[in-house]
C-alpha atoms as a PDB file:
ATOM      1  CA  MET A   1     -12.675  -7.489  -0.606  1.00  0.00           C
ATOM      2  CA  GLY A   2     -13.194  -6.425  -4.144  1.00  0.00           C
ATOM      3  CA  ILE A   3     -13.018  -2.678  -5.745  1.00  0.00           C
ATOM      4  CA  GLU A   4     -12.546  -1.235  -1.855  1.00  0.00           C
ATOM      5  CA  VAL A   5      -8.989  -2.418  -1.847  1.00  0.00           C
ATOM      6  CA  VAL A   6      -8.175  -0.755  -5.146  1.00  0.00           C
ATOM      7  CA  PHE A   7      -9.494   2.208  -4.085  1.00  0.00           C
ATOM      8  CA  LYS A   8      -7.728   1.901  -0.663  1.00  0.00           C
ATOM      9  CA  ILE A   9      -4.371   1.556  -2.281  1.00  0.00           C
ATOM     10  CA  ALA A  10      -5.215   4.809  -4.562  1.00  0.00           C
ATOM     11  CA  GLY A  11      -5.965   6.770  -1.699  1.00  0.00           C
ATOM     12  CA  ILE A  12      -2.880   6.379   0.458  1.00  0.00           C
ATOM     13  CA  GLY A  13      -1.313   6.729  -3.144  1.00  0.00           C
ATOM     14  CA  ILE A  14      -2.957  10.428  -3.188  1.00  0.00           C
ATOM     15  CA  ALA A  15      -2.426  11.201   0.517  1.00  0.00           C
ATOM     16  CA  VAL A  16       1.227  10.437   0.013  1.00  0.00           C
ATOM     17  CA  ALA A  17       1.997  11.904  -3.240  1.00  0.00           C
ATOM     18  CA  VAL A  18       0.247  15.224  -1.584  1.00  0.00           C
ATOM     19  CA  ALA A  19       2.381  14.805   1.462  1.00  0.00           C
ATOM     20  CA  CYS A  20       5.492  14.884  -0.019  1.00  0.00           C
ATOM     21  CA  GLN A  21       4.538  17.726  -2.552  1.00  0.00           C
ATOM     22  CA  LEU A  22       3.307  19.692   0.472  1.00  0.00           C
ATOM     23  CA  LEU A  23       6.867  18.861   2.083  1.00  0.00           C
ATOM     24  CA  LYS A  24       9.117  19.199  -1.300  1.00  0.00           C
ATOM     25  CA  GLN A  25       8.020  22.750  -1.403  1.00  0.00           C
ATOM     26  CA  ALA A  26       8.662  23.425   2.504  1.00  0.00           C
ATOM     27  CA  GLY A  27      11.859  22.830   1.721  1.00  0.00           C
ATOM     28  CA  ARG A  28      11.646  19.185   3.774  1.00  0.00           C
ATOM     29  CA  ASP A  29      13.124  17.037   1.139  1.00  0.00           C
ATOM     30  CA  ASP A  30      14.232  14.350   3.667  1.00  0.00           C
ATOM     31  CA  ILE A  31      10.866  14.373   5.646  1.00  0.00           C
ATOM     32  CA  ALA A  32       8.918  13.709   1.874  1.00  0.00           C
ATOM     33  CA  MET A  33      11.027  10.987   0.990  1.00  0.00           C
ATOM     34  CA  LEU A  34      10.638   8.839   4.401  1.00  0.00           C
ATOM     35  CA  THR A  35       6.672  10.169   3.895  1.00  0.00           C
ATOM     36  CA  ALA A  36       6.830   8.295   0.288  1.00  0.00           C
ATOM     37  CA  LEU A  37       8.780   5.520   1.550  1.00  0.00           C
ATOM     38  CA  ALA A  38       6.159   4.930   4.650  1.00  0.00           C
ATOM     39  CA  GLY A  39       3.020   5.020   2.187  1.00  0.00           C
ATOM     40  CA  LEU A  40       5.220   2.588   0.178  1.00  0.00           C
ATOM     41  CA  ILE A  41       5.507  -0.382   2.876  1.00  0.00           C
ATOM     42  CA  ILE A  42       1.887   0.501   3.906  1.00  0.00           C
ATOM     43  CA  VAL A  43       0.811  -0.871   0.242  1.00  0.00           C
ATOM     44  CA  ILE A  44       3.387  -3.214   0.467  1.00  0.00           C
ATOM     45  CA  THR A  45       2.058  -4.844   3.588  1.00  0.00           C
ATOM     46  CA  ILE A  46      -1.701  -4.778   2.203  1.00  0.00           C
ATOM     47  CA  VAL A  47      -0.666  -6.411  -1.004  1.00  0.00           C
ATOM     48  CA  LEU A  48       1.422  -9.142   0.922  1.00  0.00           C
ATOM     49  CA  SER A  49      -1.661  -9.881   3.148  1.00  0.00           C
ATOM     50  CA  LEU A  50      -4.028 -10.272   0.303  1.00  0.00           C
ATOM     51  CA  THR A  51      -1.455 -12.427  -1.438  1.00  0.00           C
ATOM     52  CA  GLY A  52      -1.312 -14.712   1.550  1.00  0.00           C
ATOM     53  CA  SER A  53      -4.952 -14.853   1.751  1.00  0.00           C
ATOM     54  CA  LEU A  54      -4.994 -15.818  -2.137  1.00  0.00           C
ATOM     55  CA  PHE A  55      -2.275 -18.536  -1.519  1.00  0.00           C
ATOM     56  CA  ASP A  56      -4.875 -19.956   1.355  1.00  0.00           C
ATOM     57  CA  ASN A  57      -7.855 -19.586  -0.672  1.00  0.00           C
ATOM     58  CA  LEU A  58      -6.008 -21.854  -3.521  1.00  0.00           C
ATOM     59  CA  ARG A  59      -4.685 -24.082  -0.866  1.00  0.00           C
ATOM     60  CA  LYS A  60      -8.007 -24.925   0.481  1.00  0.00           C
ATOM     61  CA  LEU A  61      -9.648 -25.034  -3.116  1.00  0.00           C
ATOM     62  CA  PHE A  62      -7.251 -27.721  -4.423  1.00  0.00           C
ATOM     63  CA  ASP A  63      -7.384 -29.212  -0.780  1.00  0.00           C
ATOM     64  CA  LEU A  64      -3.443 -29.715  -0.818  1.00  0.00           C
ATOM     65  CA  TYR A  65      -2.772 -29.993   3.097  1.00  0.00           C
END
């Protein structure tokens, strides 16, 4: 769970950017916005799961519960 997460997020960002540019050039600005929003939600989901596991590890490390 190291650098591959960064590459995954960067890959999602690149794919979403390309899709948005293609959709904007095709005149589908509404779908491009929805694509960008979907990419943002996917990345936020990944980050939140990583944050949850970080807090679990910290809790186990300090024997809080």
